[in-house]
Amino acid sequence: MQCCSPAKPLVMTCYPKPHNIRERYAAGERHFSDLDDDDDCYYDLTGADLRGAVFCGSRFIGDFTNANLEGADFSGCPIKTSIFTGAKLANATFYQAAICGTNFLGADLRGANFLEADYYGYRFKSGDLPDH
C-alpha cells in the first residue's frame, strides 16, 4: 500500500482553538477529540512526546515528524495530508481513519492497527500497513 508524500501545507503554523497541544499534554490531558481544521491551520507537533494520546474523531492536519505517539489512538480521524515521517507509532490505532496523502516514511509501525482505515477507497484489512 503506497501512501503519497505530501508537501507541508502552505499556511503559517498556528494553533486554532483549543490551544497548544504540547502544553495540554504536559498538564496531564490525554484526550484531544476536540481538534478541528476549520481555521485552515495545521498542528506542528514535530518531535512531540504524545504517548497514549487520544485523538478519536478529531479533524486536523498535523506534522508529527519524529514524534513519539506510541499507543496513540487516531480512530475515526480524517488525518489526510498529515506527516508521520520517523514517528514512533508502535501500537498506535488508526481504526477507520482516513489517511489519504499521509506520509509514514521511516515510522515505527510495529503493532499499529489500521483495520478499516481508508486510503483512496481501499479499506485496510487485518495486518495491513501503509508503506513506511
C-alpha atoms as a PDB file:
ATOM      1  CA  MET A   1       0.000   0.000   0.000  1.00  0.00           C
ATOM      2  CA  GLN A   2       1.695   3.189  -1.123  1.00  0.00           C
ATOM      3  CA  CYS A   3       0.963   6.457   0.635  1.00  0.00           C
ATOM      4  CA  CYS A   4       1.699   9.772  -1.000  1.00  0.00           C
ATOM      5  CA  SER A   5       4.408  12.093   0.276  1.00  0.00           C
ATOM      6  CA  PRO A   6       2.565  15.376   0.775  1.00  0.00           C
ATOM      7  CA  ALA A   7       4.262  18.715   0.979  1.00  0.00           C
ATOM      8  CA  LYS A   8       3.722  20.734   4.117  1.00  0.00           C
ATOM      9  CA  PRO A   9       0.532  22.779   3.957  1.00  0.00           C
ATOM     10  CA  LEU A  10       1.080  26.262   2.555  1.00  0.00           C
ATOM     11  CA  VAL A  11      -0.182  28.048   5.650  1.00  0.00           C
ATOM     12  CA  MET A  12       1.523  29.503   8.673  1.00  0.00           C
ATOM     13  CA  THR A  13       1.792  27.301  11.739  1.00  0.00           C
ATOM     14  CA  CYS A  14      -0.938  28.238  14.164  1.00  0.00           C
ATOM     15  CA  TYR A  15      -2.915  26.679  16.939  1.00  0.00           C
ATOM     16  CA  PRO A  16      -6.668  27.004  16.465  1.00  0.00           C
ATOM     17  CA  LYS A  17      -8.921  26.525  19.448  1.00  0.00           C
ATOM     18  CA  PRO A  18      -8.147  24.696  21.668  1.00  0.00           C
ATOM     19  CA  HIS A  19      -4.605  25.992  22.058  1.00  0.00           C
ATOM     20  CA  ASN A  20      -1.238  24.286  22.335  1.00  0.00           C
ATOM     21  CA  ILE A  21      -1.488  20.506  22.469  1.00  0.00           C
ATOM     22  CA  ARG A  22       2.013  20.171  23.937  1.00  0.00           C
ATOM     23  CA  GLU A  23       1.066  22.307  26.943  1.00  0.00           C
ATOM     24  CA  ARG A  24      -2.225  20.480  27.430  1.00  0.00           C
ATOM     25  CA  TYR A  25      -0.402  17.123  27.309  1.00  0.00           C
ATOM     26  CA  ALA A  26       2.263  18.331  29.768  1.00  0.00           C
ATOM     27  CA  ALA A  27      -0.565  19.342  32.131  1.00  0.00           C
ATOM     28  CA  GLY A  28      -1.846  15.750  32.092  1.00  0.00           C
ATOM     29  CA  GLU A  29      -4.530  15.933  29.404  1.00  0.00           C
ATOM     30  CA  ARG A  30      -4.634  12.901  27.090  1.00  0.00           C
ATOM     31  CA  HIS A  31      -7.906  13.326  25.160  1.00  0.00           C
ATOM     32  CA  PHE A  32      -7.783  15.654  22.148  1.00  0.00           C
ATOM     33  CA  SER A  33     -11.023  14.726  20.409  1.00  0.00           C
ATOM     34  CA  ASP A  34     -11.932  18.405  20.058  1.00  0.00           C
ATOM     35  CA  LEU A  35      -9.384  19.359  17.380  1.00  0.00           C
ATOM     36  CA  ASP A  36     -10.782  20.904  14.236  1.00  0.00           C
ATOM     37  CA  ASP A  37      -9.273  22.156  10.975  1.00  0.00           C
ATOM     38  CA  ASP A  38     -11.776  24.994  10.459  1.00  0.00           C
ATOM     39  CA  ASP A  39      -9.051  27.645  10.729  1.00  0.00           C
ATOM     40  CA  ASP A  40      -7.089  26.253   7.754  1.00  0.00           C
ATOM     41  CA  CYS A  41      -4.104  25.749  10.045  1.00  0.00           C
ATOM     42  CA  TYR A  42      -2.043  22.710  10.806  1.00  0.00           C
ATOM     43  CA  TYR A  43      -0.655  21.492  14.076  1.00  0.00           C
ATOM     44  CA  ASP A  44       3.155  21.470  14.187  1.00  0.00           C
ATOM     45  CA  LEU A  45       3.890  18.648  16.604  1.00  0.00           C
ATOM     46  CA  THR A  46       7.353  17.834  15.299  1.00  0.00           C
ATOM     47  CA  GLY A  47       9.265  15.844  17.912  1.00  0.00           C
ATOM     48  CA  ALA A  48       6.402  15.980  20.437  1.00  0.00           C
ATOM     49  CA  ASP A  49       6.045  13.295  23.111  1.00  0.00           C
ATOM     50  CA  LEU A  50       2.337  12.389  22.984  1.00  0.00           C
ATOM     51  CA  ARG A  51       2.436   8.741  24.050  1.00  0.00           C
ATOM     52  CA  GLY A  52      -1.047   7.366  24.660  1.00  0.00           C
ATOM     53  CA  ALA A  53      -2.825  10.491  23.400  1.00  0.00           C
ATOM     54  CA  VAL A  54      -6.386  10.005  22.137  1.00  0.00           C
ATOM     55  CA  PHE A  55      -7.399  11.964  19.023  1.00  0.00           C
ATOM     56  CA  CYS A  56     -10.525   9.902  18.161  1.00  0.00           C
ATOM     57  CA  GLY A  57     -12.763  11.697  15.678  1.00  0.00           C
ATOM     58  CA  SER A  58     -10.687  14.899  15.545  1.00  0.00           C
ATOM     59  CA  ARG A  59     -10.324  16.721  12.224  1.00  0.00           C
ATOM     60  CA  PHE A  60      -6.867  18.160  11.685  1.00  0.00           C
ATOM     61  CA  ILE A  61      -3.748  18.290   9.569  1.00  0.00           C
ATOM     62  CA  GLY A  62      -0.566  17.746  11.521  1.00  0.00           C
ATOM     63  CA  ASP A  63       3.173  17.403  11.238  1.00  0.00           C
ATOM     64  CA  PHE A  64       4.215  14.639  13.628  1.00  0.00           C
ATOM     65  CA  THR A  65       7.753  14.222  12.224  1.00  0.00           C
ATOM     66  CA  ASN A  66       9.864  12.269  14.759  1.00  0.00           C
ATOM     67  CA  ALA A  67       7.075  12.484  17.375  1.00  0.00           C
ATOM     68  CA  ASN A  68       6.589   9.753  19.971  1.00  0.00           C
ATOM     69  CA  LEU A  69       2.992   8.585  19.508  1.00  0.00           C
ATOM     70  CA  GLU A  70       3.332   5.078  20.921  1.00  0.00           C
ATOM     71  CA  GLY A  71      -0.130   3.774  21.794  1.00  0.00           C
ATOM     72  CA  ALA A  72      -1.883   6.886  20.444  1.00  0.00           C
ATOM     73  CA  ASP A  73      -5.430   6.486  19.121  1.00  0.00           C
ATOM     74  CA  PHE A  74      -6.423   8.145  15.830  1.00  0.00           C
ATOM     75  CA  SER A  75      -9.599   6.074  15.338  1.00  0.00           C
ATOM     76  CA  GLY A  76     -12.104   7.713  13.030  1.00  0.00           C
ATOM     77  CA  CYS A  77      -9.846  10.691  12.289  1.00  0.00           C
ATOM     78  CA  PRO A  78      -9.704  12.261   8.841  1.00  0.00           C
ATOM     79  CA  ILE A  79      -5.957  12.958   9.047  1.00  0.00           C
ATOM     80  CA  LYS A  80      -5.416  13.463   5.333  1.00  0.00           C
ATOM     81  CA  THR A  81      -2.118  15.042   4.246  1.00  0.00           C
ATOM     82  CA  SER A  82      -0.525  14.705   7.663  1.00  0.00           C
ATOM     83  CA  ILE A  83       3.139  13.832   8.164  1.00  0.00           C
ATOM     84  CA  PHE A  84       4.332  10.978  10.403  1.00  0.00           C
ATOM     85  CA  THR A  85       7.877  10.714   8.996  1.00  0.00           C
ATOM     86  CA  GLY A  86      10.113   8.954  11.524  1.00  0.00           C
ATOM     87  CA  ALA A  87       7.355   8.921  14.158  1.00  0.00           C
ATOM     88  CA  LYS A  88       7.175   6.244  16.844  1.00  0.00           C
ATOM     89  CA  LEU A  89       3.726   4.726  16.246  1.00  0.00           C
ATOM     90  CA  ALA A  90       4.183   1.323  17.886  1.00  0.00           C
ATOM     91  CA  ASN A  91       0.773   0.015  18.999  1.00  0.00           C
ATOM     92  CA  ALA A  92      -0.992   3.135  17.691  1.00  0.00           C
ATOM     93  CA  THR A  93      -4.546   2.747  16.382  1.00  0.00           C
ATOM     94  CA  PHE A  94      -5.858   4.181  13.102  1.00  0.00           C
ATOM     95  CA  TYR A  95      -9.121   2.195  13.081  1.00  0.00           C
ATOM     96  CA  GLN A  96     -11.465   3.629  10.401  1.00  0.00           C
ATOM     97  CA  ALA A  97      -9.191   6.676   9.905  1.00  0.00           C
ATOM     98  CA  ALA A  98      -8.929   8.461   6.539  1.00  0.00           C
ATOM     99  CA  ILE A  99      -5.196   8.527   5.829  1.00  0.00           C
ATOM    100  CA  CYS A 100      -5.057   9.653   2.179  1.00  0.00           C
ATOM    101  CA  GLY A 101      -1.954  11.648   1.302  1.00  0.00           C
ATOM    102  CA  THR A 102      -0.368  10.869   4.658  1.00  0.00           C
ATOM    103  CA  ASN A 103       3.371  10.193   4.925  1.00  0.00           C
ATOM    104  CA  PHE A 104       4.636   7.352   7.161  1.00  0.00           C
ATOM    105  CA  LEU A 105       8.177   7.083   5.756  1.00  0.00           C
ATOM    106  CA  GLY A 106      10.591   5.779   8.396  1.00  0.00           C
ATOM    107  CA  ALA A 107       7.828   5.467  11.006  1.00  0.00           C
ATOM    108  CA  ASP A 108       7.876   2.646  13.553  1.00  0.00           C
ATOM    109  CA  LEU A 109       4.535   0.911  12.916  1.00  0.00           C
ATOM    110  CA  ARG A 110       5.144  -2.248  14.976  1.00  0.00           C
ATOM    111  CA  GLY A 111       1.796  -3.421  16.303  1.00  0.00           C
ATOM    112  CA  ALA A 112      -0.078  -0.478  14.760  1.00  0.00           C
ATOM    113  CA  ASN A 113      -3.726  -1.120  13.860  1.00  0.00           C
ATOM    114  CA  PHE A 114      -5.039   0.229  10.541  1.00  0.00           C
ATOM    115  CA  LEU A 115      -8.123  -2.030  10.412  1.00  0.00           C
ATOM    116  CA  GLU A 116     -10.802  -0.483   8.155  1.00  0.00           C
ATOM    117  CA  ALA A 117      -8.733   2.685   7.641  1.00  0.00           C
ATOM    118  CA  ASP A 118      -9.421   4.290   4.284  1.00  0.00           C
ATOM    119  CA  TYR A 119      -6.719   5.021   1.720  1.00  0.00           C
ATOM    120  CA  TYR A 120      -8.201   6.427  -1.503  1.00  0.00           C
ATOM    121  CA  GLY A 121     -11.114   3.998  -1.272  1.00  0.00           C
ATOM    122  CA  TYR A 122      -9.023   0.978  -0.197  1.00  0.00           C
ATOM    123  CA  ARG A 123     -10.072  -0.408   3.194  1.00  0.00           C
ATOM    124  CA  PHE A 124      -7.181  -1.845   5.176  1.00  0.00           C
ATOM    125  CA  LYS A 125      -7.594  -5.411   6.365  1.00  0.00           C
ATOM    126  CA  SER A 126      -6.172  -7.012   9.489  1.00  0.00           C
ATOM    127  CA  GLY A 127      -2.380  -6.722   9.401  1.00  0.00           C
ATOM    128  CA  ASP A 128      -2.239  -4.196   6.510  1.00  0.00           C
ATOM    129  CA  LEU A 129       0.149  -1.288   6.967  1.00  0.00           C
ATOM    130  CA  PRO A 130       0.903   1.728   4.778  1.00  0.00           C
ATOM    131  CA  ASP A 131       4.362   1.989   3.267  1.00  0.00           C
ATOM    132  CA  HIS A 132       6.802   3.115   5.853  1.00  0.00           C
END
